[in-house]
Amino acid sequence: MGECKCCEDGCGKDIRVSFCPRCNSRNVGFVFGFGNLFGVIPKMKCRDCDFDAASFPILITSEEELKRAIEGMKMKREAKKKVVKKVVKKKVVKKKREVKRK
């Protein structure tokens, strides 16, 4: 394969994601109304917080970095679940001991 022209390195795919600067949501899109019907005034709007602007910031990242970030978030979520399960188990054990003492 030849070098790609879409990324800086020439080795991986770049992913471009628009996001809302107010709530950091990726749920954004163009609003089609009379003002921008003919392409005169483009307008974007966040569907979560209703913030609108002419354009939103674009995050440019490589596919590898995105996969690493997703894996990191999954590991944090799993670790958090394990901690919650341990806390719940300790509470159950304490309640059983209190019942036996009475």
PDB file of N, CA and C in Angstrom:
ATOM      1  N   MET A   1       0.831  -1.188   0.000  1.00  0.00           N
ATOM      2  CA  MET A   1       0.000   0.000   0.000  1.00  0.00           C
ATOM      3  C   MET A   1       0.873   1.248   0.000  1.00  0.00           C
ATOM      4  N   GLY A   2       0.412   2.254  -0.649  1.00  0.00           N
ATOM      5  CA  GLY A   2       1.120   3.522  -0.666  1.00  0.00           C
ATOM      6  C   GLY A   2       0.788   4.337   0.564  1.00  0.00           C
ATOM      7  N   GLU A   3       1.498   5.420   0.701  1.00  0.00           N
ATOM      8  CA  GLU A   3       1.235   6.293   1.840  1.00  0.00           C
ATOM      9  C   GLU A   3      -0.092   7.015   1.658  1.00  0.00           C
ATOM     10  N   CYS A   4      -0.838   7.105   2.732  1.00  0.00           N
ATOM     11  CA  CYS A   4      -2.107   7.825   2.648  1.00  0.00           C
ATOM     12  C   CYS A   4      -1.855   9.315   2.836  1.00  0.00           C
ATOM     13  N   LYS A   5      -2.708  10.116   2.287  1.00  0.00           N
ATOM     14  CA  LYS A   5      -2.549  11.564   2.383  1.00  0.00           C
ATOM     15  C   LYS A   5      -3.505  12.169   3.405  1.00  0.00           C
ATOM     16  N   CYS A   6      -4.248  11.297   4.111  1.00  0.00           N
ATOM     17  CA  CYS A   6      -5.254  11.821   5.036  1.00  0.00           C
ATOM     18  C   CYS A   6      -4.701  12.085   6.430  1.00  0.00           C
ATOM     19  N   CYS A   7      -3.558  11.517   6.772  1.00  0.00           N
ATOM     20  CA  CYS A   7      -3.029  11.726   8.123  1.00  0.00           C
ATOM     21  C   CYS A   7      -1.613  12.271   8.062  1.00  0.00           C
ATOM     22  N   GLU A   8      -1.130  12.733   9.181  1.00  0.00           N
ATOM     23  CA  GLU A   8       0.200  13.326   9.243  1.00  0.00           C
ATOM     24  C   GLU A   8       1.294  12.277   9.080  1.00  0.00           C
ATOM     25  N   ASP A   9       1.106  11.109   9.693  1.00  0.00           N
ATOM     26  CA  ASP A   9       2.127  10.067   9.668  1.00  0.00           C
ATOM     27  C   ASP A   9       2.179   9.342   8.330  1.00  0.00           C
ATOM     28  N   GLY A  10       1.045   9.239   7.668  1.00  0.00           N
ATOM     29  CA  GLY A  10       0.973   8.465   6.443  1.00  0.00           C
ATOM     30  C   GLY A  10       0.822   6.984   6.722  1.00  0.00           C
ATOM     31  N   CYS A  11       0.479   6.626   7.966  1.00  0.00           N
ATOM     32  CA  CYS A  11       0.397   5.204   8.309  1.00  0.00           C
ATOM     33  C   CYS A  11      -0.968   4.797   8.850  1.00  0.00           C
ATOM     34  N   GLY A  12      -1.744   5.700   9.345  1.00  0.00           N
ATOM     35  CA  GLY A  12      -3.026   5.338   9.949  1.00  0.00           C
ATOM     36  C   GLY A  12      -4.121   6.270   9.504  1.00  0.00           C
ATOM     37  N   LYS A  13      -5.335   5.865   9.795  1.00  0.00           N
ATOM     38  CA  LYS A  13      -6.477   6.688   9.406  1.00  0.00           C
ATOM     39  C   LYS A  13      -6.730   7.753  10.459  1.00  0.00           C
ATOM     40  N   ASP A  14      -7.024   8.940   9.999  1.00  0.00           N
ATOM     41  CA  ASP A  14      -7.424  10.016  10.902  1.00  0.00           C
ATOM     42  C   ASP A  14      -8.930   9.984  11.070  1.00  0.00           C
ATOM     43  N   ILE A  15      -9.374  10.192  12.280  1.00  0.00           N
ATOM     44  CA  ILE A  15     -10.802  10.248  12.565  1.00  0.00           C
ATOM     45  C   ILE A  15     -11.104  11.670  13.006  1.00  0.00           C
ATOM     46  N   ARG A  16     -12.063  12.279  12.362  1.00  0.00           N
ATOM     47  CA  ARG A  16     -12.447  13.659  12.666  1.00  0.00           C
ATOM     48  C   ARG A  16     -13.824  13.646  13.309  1.00  0.00           C
ATOM     49  N   VAL A  17     -13.901  14.208  14.510  1.00  0.00           N
ATOM     50  CA  VAL A  17     -15.142  14.203  15.270  1.00  0.00           C
ATOM     51  C   VAL A  17     -15.457  15.625  15.714  1.00  0.00           C
ATOM     52  N   SER A  18     -16.640  16.113  15.378  1.00  0.00           N
ATOM     53  CA  SER A  18     -17.096  17.412  15.881  1.00  0.00           C
ATOM     54  C   SER A  18     -17.705  17.206  17.260  1.00  0.00           C
ATOM     55  N   PHE A  19     -17.469  18.161  18.161  1.00  0.00           N
ATOM     56  CA  PHE A  19     -18.035  18.050  19.501  1.00  0.00           C
ATOM     57  C   PHE A  19     -18.483  19.414  19.989  1.00  0.00           C
ATOM     58  N   CYS A  20     -19.402  19.403  20.939  1.00  0.00           N
ATOM     59  CA  CYS A  20     -19.950  20.636  21.500  1.00  0.00           C
ATOM     60  C   CYS A  20     -18.948  21.225  22.499  1.00  0.00           C
ATOM     61  N   PRO A  21     -18.605  22.513  22.379  1.00  0.00           N
ATOM     62  CA  PRO A  21     -17.668  23.107  23.334  1.00  0.00           C
ATOM     63  C   PRO A  21     -18.274  23.326  24.715  1.00  0.00           C
ATOM     64  N   ARG A  22     -19.598  23.331  24.826  1.00  0.00           N
ATOM     65  CA  ARG A  22     -20.252  23.573  26.109  1.00  0.00           C
ATOM     66  C   ARG A  22     -20.355  22.290  26.933  1.00  0.00           C
ATOM     67  N   CYS A  23     -20.887  21.214  26.331  1.00  0.00           N
ATOM     68  CA  CYS A  23     -21.121  19.988  27.111  1.00  0.00           C
ATOM     69  C   CYS A  23     -20.245  18.816  26.672  1.00  0.00           C
ATOM     70  N   ASN A  24     -19.357  19.019  25.695  1.00  0.00           N
ATOM     71  CA  ASN A  24     -18.443  17.995  25.175  1.00  0.00           C
ATOM     72  C   ASN A  24     -19.156  16.788  24.580  1.00  0.00           C
ATOM     73  N   SER A  25     -20.372  16.957  24.122  1.00  0.00           N
ATOM     74  CA  SER A  25     -21.126  15.877  23.501  1.00  0.00           C
ATOM     75  C   SER A  25     -20.746  15.758  22.031  1.00  0.00           C
ATOM     76  N   ARG A  26     -20.792  14.539  21.516  1.00  0.00           N
ATOM     77  CA  ARG A  26     -20.541  14.327  20.091  1.00  0.00           C
ATOM     78  C   ARG A  26     -21.836  14.316  19.298  1.00  0.00           C
ATOM     79  N   ASN A  27     -22.947  14.535  19.947  1.00  0.00           N
ATOM     80  CA  ASN A  27     -24.261  14.492  19.307  1.00  0.00           C
ATOM     81  C   ASN A  27     -24.575  15.864  18.702  1.00  0.00           C
ATOM     82  N   VAL A  28     -23.829  16.235  17.660  1.00  0.00           N
ATOM     83  CA  VAL A  28     -23.996  17.529  17.003  1.00  0.00           C
ATOM     84  C   VAL A  28     -24.272  17.311  15.524  1.00  0.00           C
ATOM     85  N   GLY A  29     -24.886  18.292  14.909  1.00  0.00           N
ATOM     86  CA  GLY A  29     -25.170  18.192  13.484  1.00  0.00           C
ATOM     87  C   GLY A  29     -25.539  19.541  12.902  1.00  0.00           C
ATOM     88  N   PHE A  30     -25.690  19.569  11.592  1.00  0.00           N
ATOM     89  CA  PHE A  30     -26.064  20.798  10.906  1.00  0.00           C
ATOM     90  C   PHE A  30     -27.560  21.023  11.016  1.00  0.00           C
ATOM     91  N   VAL A  31     -27.936  22.285  11.119  1.00  0.00           N
ATOM     92  CA  VAL A  31     -29.339  22.680  11.160  1.00  0.00           C
ATOM     93  C   VAL A  31     -29.682  23.203   9.773  1.00  0.00           C
ATOM     94  N   PHE A  32     -30.731  22.662   9.191  1.00  0.00           N
ATOM     95  CA  PHE A  32     -31.144  23.097   7.863  1.00  0.00           C
ATOM     96  C   PHE A  32     -32.381  23.967   7.992  1.00  0.00           C
ATOM     97  N   GLY A  33     -32.205  25.245   7.741  1.00  0.00           N
ATOM     98  CA  GLY A  33     -33.301  26.201   7.802  1.00  0.00           C
ATOM     99  C   GLY A  33     -33.255  27.111   6.594  1.00  0.00           C
ATOM    100  N   PHE A  34     -34.086  28.120   6.606  1.00  0.00           N
ATOM    101  CA  PHE A  34     -34.161  29.030   5.463  1.00  0.00           C
ATOM    102  C   PHE A  34     -32.853  29.801   5.266  1.00  0.00           C
ATOM    103  N   GLY A  35     -32.200  30.188   6.363  1.00  0.00           N
ATOM    104  CA  GLY A  35     -30.961  30.959   6.275  1.00  0.00           C
ATOM    105  C   GLY A  35     -29.828  30.209   5.612  1.00  0.00           C
ATOM    106  N   ASN A  36     -29.743  28.907   5.848  1.00  0.00           N
ATOM    107  CA  ASN A  36     -28.665  28.148   5.238  1.00  0.00           C
ATOM    108  C   ASN A  36     -29.172  27.195   4.159  1.00  0.00           C
ATOM    109  N   LEU A  37     -30.337  27.468   3.645  1.00  0.00           N
ATOM    110  CA  LEU A  37     -30.910  26.635   2.597  1.00  0.00           C
ATOM    111  C   LEU A  37     -30.035  26.632   1.356  1.00  0.00           C
ATOM    112  N   PHE A  38     -29.487  27.767   1.024  1.00  0.00           N
ATOM    113  CA  PHE A  38     -28.656  27.881  -0.170  1.00  0.00           C
ATOM    114  C   PHE A  38     -27.168  27.890   0.171  1.00  0.00           C
ATOM    115  N   GLY A  39     -26.815  27.496   1.377  1.00  0.00           N
ATOM    116  CA  GLY A  39     -25.422  27.445   1.788  1.00  0.00           C
ATOM    117  C   GLY A  39     -24.847  28.791   2.176  1.00  0.00           C
ATOM    118  N   VAL A  40     -25.709  29.748   2.461  1.00  0.00           N
ATOM    119  CA  VAL A  40     -25.236  31.086   2.799  1.00  0.00           C
ATOM    120  C   VAL A  40     -24.631  31.101   4.203  1.00  0.00           C
ATOM    121  N   ILE A  41     -25.367  30.606   5.183  1.00  0.00           N
ATOM    122  CA  ILE A  41     -24.919  30.633   6.571  1.00  0.00           C
ATOM    123  C   ILE A  41     -25.030  29.219   7.146  1.00  0.00           C
ATOM    124  N   PRO A  42     -23.940  28.459   7.170  1.00  0.00           N
ATOM    125  CA  PRO A  42     -24.020  27.130   7.788  1.00  0.00           C
ATOM    126  C   PRO A  42     -24.168  27.271   9.301  1.00  0.00           C
ATOM    127  N   LYS A  43     -24.901  26.372   9.905  1.00  0.00           N
ATOM    128  CA  LYS A  43     -25.145  26.443  11.336  1.00  0.00           C
ATOM    129  C   LYS A  43     -25.140  25.031  11.903  1.00  0.00           C
ATOM    130  N   MET A  44     -24.456  24.849  13.036  1.00  0.00           N
ATOM    131  CA  MET A  44     -24.433  23.555  13.713  1.00  0.00           C
ATOM    132  C   MET A  44     -25.108  23.712  15.069  1.00  0.00           C
ATOM    133  N   LYS A  45     -25.696  22.605  15.555  1.00  0.00           N
ATOM    134  CA  LYS A  45     -26.406  22.645  16.827  1.00  0.00           C
ATOM    135  C   LYS A  45     -26.152  21.356  17.600  1.00  0.00           C
ATOM    136  N   CYS A  46     -25.961  21.500  18.911  1.00  0.00           N
ATOM    137  CA  CYS A  46     -25.821  20.342  19.793  1.00  0.00           C
ATOM    138  C   CYS A  46     -27.215  19.845  20.133  1.00  0.00           C
ATOM    139  N   ARG A  47     -27.434  18.561  19.978  1.00  0.00           N
ATOM    140  CA  ARG A  47     -28.757  17.998  20.250  1.00  0.00           C
ATOM    141  C   ARG A  47     -28.978  17.721  21.735  1.00  0.00           C
ATOM    142  N   ASP A  48     -27.907  17.785  22.527  1.00  0.00           N
ATOM    143  CA  ASP A  48     -28.037  17.536  23.963  1.00  0.00           C
ATOM    144  C   ASP A  48     -28.321  18.814  24.754  1.00  0.00           C
ATOM    145  N   CYS A  49     -27.570  19.895  24.470  1.00  0.00           N
ATOM    146  CA  CYS A  49     -27.745  21.119  25.263  1.00  0.00           C
ATOM    147  C   CYS A  49     -28.291  22.285  24.440  1.00  0.00           C
ATOM    148  N   ASP A  50     -28.629  22.064  23.182  1.00  0.00           N
ATOM    149  CA  ASP A  50     -29.210  23.073  22.278  1.00  0.00           C
ATOM    150  C   ASP A  50     -28.295  24.274  22.030  1.00  0.00           C
ATOM    151  N   PHE A  51     -26.999  24.119  22.205  1.00  0.00           N
ATOM    152  CA  PHE A  51     -26.046  25.176  21.875  1.00  0.00           C
ATOM    153  C   PHE A  51     -25.865  25.196  20.367  1.00  0.00           C
ATOM    154  N   ASP A  52     -25.891  26.394  19.760  1.00  0.00           N
ATOM    155  CA  ASP A  52     -25.688  26.464  18.317  1.00  0.00           C
ATOM    156  C   ASP A  52     -24.621  27.496  17.984  1.00  0.00           C
ATOM    157  N   ALA A  53     -23.905  27.233  16.902  1.00  0.00           N
ATOM    158  CA  ALA A  53     -22.839  28.119  16.441  1.00  0.00           C
ATOM    159  C   ALA A  53     -22.619  27.864  14.955  1.00  0.00           C
ATOM    160  N   ALA A  54     -21.811  28.712  14.337  1.00  0.00           N
ATOM    161  CA  ALA A  54     -21.526  28.538  12.917  1.00  0.00           C
ATOM    162  C   ALA A  54     -20.751  27.246  12.671  1.00  0.00           C
ATOM    163  N   SER A  55     -19.838  26.910  13.550  1.00  0.00           N
ATOM    164  CA  SER A  55     -19.122  25.637  13.446  1.00  0.00           C
ATOM    165  C   SER A  55     -18.652  25.235  14.835  1.00  0.00           C
ATOM    166  N   PHE A  56     -18.454  23.955  15.026  1.00  0.00           N
ATOM    167  CA  PHE A  56     -17.994  23.420  16.300  1.00  0.00           C
ATOM    168  C   PHE A  56     -16.550  22.956  16.145  1.00  0.00           C
ATOM    169  N   PRO A  57     -15.803  22.864  17.242  1.00  0.00           N
ATOM    170  CA  PRO A  57     -14.427  22.366  17.159  1.00  0.00           C
ATOM    171  C   PRO A  57     -14.403  20.927  16.650  1.00  0.00           C
ATOM    172  N   ILE A  58     -13.323  20.583  15.976  1.00  0.00           N
ATOM    173  CA  ILE A  58     -13.167  19.233  15.433  1.00  0.00           C
ATOM    174  C   ILE A  58     -11.964  18.589  16.105  1.00  0.00           C
ATOM    175  N   LEU A  59     -12.169  17.404  16.650  1.00  0.00           N
ATOM    176  CA  LEU A  59     -11.094  16.628  17.245  1.00  0.00           C
ATOM    177  C   LEU A  59     -10.553  15.693  16.171  1.00  0.00           C
ATOM    178  N   ILE A  60      -9.253  15.769  15.908  1.00  0.00           N
ATOM    179  CA  ILE A  60      -8.628  14.896  14.923  1.00  0.00           C
ATOM    180  C   ILE A  60      -7.728  13.935  15.680  1.00  0.00           C
ATOM    181  N   THR A  61      -8.002  12.648  15.550  1.00  0.00           N
ATOM    182  CA  THR A  61      -7.230  11.633  16.245  1.00  0.00           C
ATOM    183  C   THR A  61      -7.018  10.441  15.326  1.00  0.00           C
ATOM    184  N   SER A  62      -6.047   9.617  15.650  1.00  0.00           N
ATOM    185  CA  SER A  62      -5.810   8.425  14.845  1.00  0.00           C
ATOM    186  C   SER A  62      -6.670   7.283  15.377  1.00  0.00           C
ATOM    187  N   GLU A  63      -6.854   6.299  14.555  1.00  0.00           N
ATOM    188  CA  GLU A  63      -7.683   5.154  14.927  1.00  0.00           C
ATOM    189  C   GLU A  63      -7.066   4.392  16.100  1.00  0.00           C
ATOM    190  N   GLU A  64      -5.727   4.306  16.127  1.00  0.00           N
ATOM    191  CA  GLU A  64      -5.038   3.593  17.205  1.00  0.00           C
ATOM    192  C   GLU A  64      -5.233   4.298  18.551  1.00  0.00           C
ATOM    193  N   GLU A  65      -5.109   5.613  18.564  1.00  0.00           N
ATOM    194  CA  GLU A  65      -5.292   6.367  19.810  1.00  0.00           C
ATOM    195  C   GLU A  65      -6.718   6.241  20.324  1.00  0.00           C
ATOM    196  N   LEU A  66      -7.679   6.236  19.412  1.00  0.00           N
ATOM    197  CA  LEU A  66      -9.074   6.092  19.808  1.00  0.00           C
ATOM    198  C   LEU A  66      -9.317   4.728  20.440  1.00  0.00           C
ATOM    199  N   LYS A  67      -8.755   3.677  19.855  1.00  0.00           N
ATOM    200  CA  LYS A  67      -8.903   2.327  20.420  1.00  0.00           C
ATOM    201  C   LYS A  67      -8.275   2.242  21.805  1.00  0.00           C
ATOM    202  N   ARG A  68      -7.082   2.853  21.978  1.00  0.00           N
ATOM    203  CA  ARG A  68      -6.435   2.843  23.293  1.00  0.00           C
ATOM    204  C   ARG A  68      -7.273   3.578  24.331  1.00  0.00           C
ATOM    205  N   ALA A  69      -7.855   4.697  23.937  1.00  0.00           N
ATOM    206  CA  ALA A  69      -8.685   5.466  24.870  1.00  0.00           C
ATOM    207  C   ALA A  69      -9.929   4.682  25.265  1.00  0.00           C
ATOM    208  N   ILE A  70     -10.549   4.002  24.311  1.00  0.00           N
ATOM    209  CA  ILE A  70     -11.743   3.204  24.605  1.00  0.00           C
ATOM    210  C   ILE A  70     -11.394   2.052  25.534  1.00  0.00           C
ATOM    211  N   GLU A  71     -10.274   1.382  25.295  1.00  0.00           N
ATOM    212  CA  GLU A  71      -9.848   0.291  26.175  1.00  0.00           C
ATOM    213  C   GLU A  71      -9.584   0.806  27.589  1.00  0.00           C
ATOM    214  N   GLY A  72      -8.961   1.977  27.701  1.00  0.00           N
ATOM    215  CA  GLY A  72      -8.710   2.567  29.017  1.00  0.00           C
ATOM    216  C   GLY A  72      -9.998   2.870  29.756  1.00  0.00           C
ATOM    217  N   MET A  73     -10.998   3.388  29.036  1.00  0.00           N
ATOM    218  CA  MET A  73     -12.283   3.677  29.669  1.00  0.00           C
ATOM    219  C   MET A  73     -12.968   2.394  30.117  1.00  0.00           C
ATOM    220  N   LYS A  74     -12.860   1.324  29.316  1.00  0.00           N
ATOM    221  CA  LYS A  74     -13.465   0.044  29.694  1.00  0.00           C
ATOM    222  C   LYS A  74     -12.798  -0.511  30.943  1.00  0.00           C
ATOM    223  N   MET A  75     -11.468  -0.402  31.023  1.00  0.00           N
ATOM    224  CA  MET A  75     -10.758  -0.914  32.193  1.00  0.00           C
ATOM    225  C   MET A  75     -11.148  -0.143  33.449  1.00  0.00           C
ATOM    226  N   LYS A  76     -11.288   1.178  33.339  1.00  0.00           N
ATOM    227  CA  LYS A  76     -11.703   1.983  34.488  1.00  0.00           C
ATOM    228  C   LYS A  76     -13.100   1.597  34.942  1.00  0.00           C
ATOM    229  N   ARG A  77     -14.003   1.373  33.983  1.00  0.00           N
ATOM    230  CA  ARG A  77     -15.379   1.007  34.313  1.00  0.00           C
ATOM    231  C   ARG A  77     -15.412  -0.342  35.032  1.00  0.00           C
ATOM    232  N   GLU A  78     -14.623  -1.323  34.528  1.00  0.00           N
ATOM    233  CA  GLU A  78     -14.586  -2.640  35.164  1.00  0.00           C
ATOM    234  C   GLU A  78     -13.997  -2.557  36.568  1.00  0.00           C
ATOM    235  N   ALA A  79     -12.951  -1.754  36.749  1.00  0.00           N
ATOM    236  CA  ALA A  79     -12.345  -1.597  38.070  1.00  0.00           C
ATOM    237  C   ALA A  79     -13.332  -0.962  39.042  1.00  0.00           C
ATOM    238  N   LYS A  80     -14.096  -0.005  38.569  1.00  0.00           N
ATOM    239  CA  LYS A  80     -15.088   0.652  39.415  1.00  0.00           C
ATOM    240  C   LYS A  80     -16.173  -0.341  39.835  1.00  0.00           C
ATOM    241  N   LYS A  81     -16.599  -1.205  38.916  1.00  0.00           N
ATOM    242  CA  LYS A  81     -17.612  -2.214  39.241  1.00  0.00           C
ATOM    243  C   LYS A  81     -17.094  -3.176  40.299  1.00  0.00           C
ATOM    244  N   LYS A  82     -15.814  -3.568  40.209  1.00  0.00           N
ATOM    245  CA  LYS A  82     -15.237  -4.488  41.185  1.00  0.00           C
ATOM    246  C   LYS A  82     -15.217  -3.857  42.573  1.00  0.00           C
ATOM    247  N   VAL A  83     -14.874  -2.586  42.655  1.00  0.00           N
ATOM    248  CA  VAL A  83     -14.832  -1.891  43.945  1.00  0.00           C
ATOM    249  C   VAL A  83     -16.230  -1.819  44.543  1.00  0.00           C
ATOM    250  N   VAL A  84     -17.229  -1.532  43.730  1.00  0.00           N
ATOM    251  CA  VAL A  84     -18.609  -1.449  44.216  1.00  0.00           C
ATOM    252  C   VAL A  84     -19.065  -2.810  44.724  1.00  0.00           C
ATOM    253  N   LYS A  85     -18.720  -3.883  44.023  1.00  0.00           N
ATOM    254  CA  LYS A  85     -19.104  -5.227  44.455  1.00  0.00           C
ATOM    255  C   LYS A  85     -18.471  -5.569  45.794  1.00  0.00           C
ATOM    256  N   LYS A  86     -17.194  -5.187  46.007  1.00  0.00           N
ATOM    257  CA  LYS A  86     -16.522  -5.462  47.273  1.00  0.00           C
ATOM    258  C   LYS A  86     -17.192  -4.716  48.412  1.00  0.00           C
ATOM    259  N   VAL A  87     -17.568  -3.481  48.192  1.00  0.00           N
ATOM    260  CA  VAL A  87     -18.229  -2.682  49.226  1.00  0.00           C
ATOM    261  C   VAL A  87     -19.565  -3.305  49.587  1.00  0.00           C
ATOM    262  N   VAL A  88     -20.321  -3.753  48.600  1.00  0.00           N
ATOM    263  CA  VAL A  88     -21.618  -4.376  48.853  1.00  0.00           C
ATOM    264  C   VAL A  88     -21.436  -5.661  49.645  1.00  0.00           C
ATOM    265  N   LYS A  89     -20.434  -6.471  49.319  1.00  0.00           N
ATOM    266  CA  LYS A  89     -20.187  -7.718  50.039  1.00  0.00           C
ATOM    267  C   LYS A  89     -19.841  -7.443  51.500  1.00  0.00           C
ATOM    268  N   LYS A  90     -19.033  -6.413  51.767  1.00  0.00           N
ATOM    269  CA  LYS A  90     -18.663  -6.083  53.142  1.00  0.00           C
ATOM    270  C   LYS A  90     -19.881  -5.679  53.950  1.00  0.00           C
ATOM    271  N   LYS A  91     -20.793  -4.935  53.365  1.00  0.00           N
ATOM    272  CA  LYS A  91     -22.002  -4.522  54.072  1.00  0.00           C
ATOM    273  C   LYS A  91     -22.856  -5.725  54.420  1.00  0.00           C
ATOM    274  N   VAL A  92     -22.960  -6.686  53.520  1.00  0.00           N
ATOM    275  CA  VAL A  92     -23.759  -7.885  53.766  1.00  0.00           C
ATOM    276  C   VAL A  92     -23.148  -8.686  54.903  1.00  0.00           C
ATOM    277  N   VAL A  93     -21.832  -8.830  54.934  1.00  0.00           N
ATOM    278  CA  VAL A  93     -21.152  -9.577  55.992  1.00  0.00           C
ATOM    279  C   VAL A  93     -21.372  -8.893  57.335  1.00  0.00           C
ATOM    280  N   LYS A  94     -21.292  -7.581  57.411  1.00  0.00           N
ATOM    281  CA  LYS A  94     -21.496  -6.858  58.662  1.00  0.00           C
ATOM    282  C   LYS A  94     -22.911  -7.060  59.179  1.00  0.00           C
ATOM    283  N   LYS A  95     -23.884  -7.054  58.313  1.00  0.00           N
ATOM    284  CA  LYS A  95     -25.268  -7.249  58.736  1.00  0.00           C
ATOM    285  C   LYS A  95     -25.457  -8.645  59.310  1.00  0.00           C
ATOM    286  N   LYS A  96     -24.847  -9.658  58.724  1.00  0.00           N
ATOM    287  CA  LYS A  96     -24.972 -11.026  59.225  1.00  0.00           C
ATOM    288  C   LYS A  96     -24.351 -11.147  60.608  1.00  0.00           C
ATOM    289  N   ARG A  97     -23.228 -10.508  60.846  1.00  0.00           N
ATOM    290  CA  ARG A  97     -22.565 -10.565  62.146  1.00  0.00           C
ATOM    291  C   ARG A  97     -23.413  -9.892  63.213  1.00  0.00           C
ATOM    292  N   GLU A  98     -24.052  -8.792  62.874  1.00  0.00           N
ATOM    293  CA  GLU A  98     -24.897  -8.090  63.833  1.00  0.00           C
ATOM    294  C   GLU A  98     -26.080  -8.956  64.245  1.00  0.00           C
ATOM    295  N   VAL A  99     -26.624  -9.712  63.338  1.00  0.00           N
ATOM    296  CA  VAL A  99     -27.758 -10.578  63.634  1.00  0.00           C
ATOM    297  C   VAL A  99     -27.324 -11.696  64.570  1.00  0.00           C
ATOM    298  N   LYS A 100     -26.151 -12.262  64.387  1.00  0.00           N
ATOM    299  CA  LYS A 100     -25.665 -13.354  65.226  1.00  0.00           C
ATOM    300  C   LYS A 100     -25.404 -12.890  66.656  1.00  0.00           C
ATOM    301  N   ARG A 101     -24.968 -11.665  66.854  1.00  0.00           N
ATOM    302  CA  ARG A 101     -24.653 -11.158  68.184  1.00  0.00           C
ATOM    303  C   ARG A 101     -25.899 -10.967  69.032  1.00  0.00           C
ATOM    304  N   LYS A 102     -27.001 -10.682  68.427  1.00  0.00           N
ATOM    305  CA  LYS A 102     -28.230 -10.437  69.182  1.00  0.00           C
ATOM    306  C   LYS A 102     -28.761 -11.725  69.658  1.00  0.00           C
TER     307      LYS A 102
END
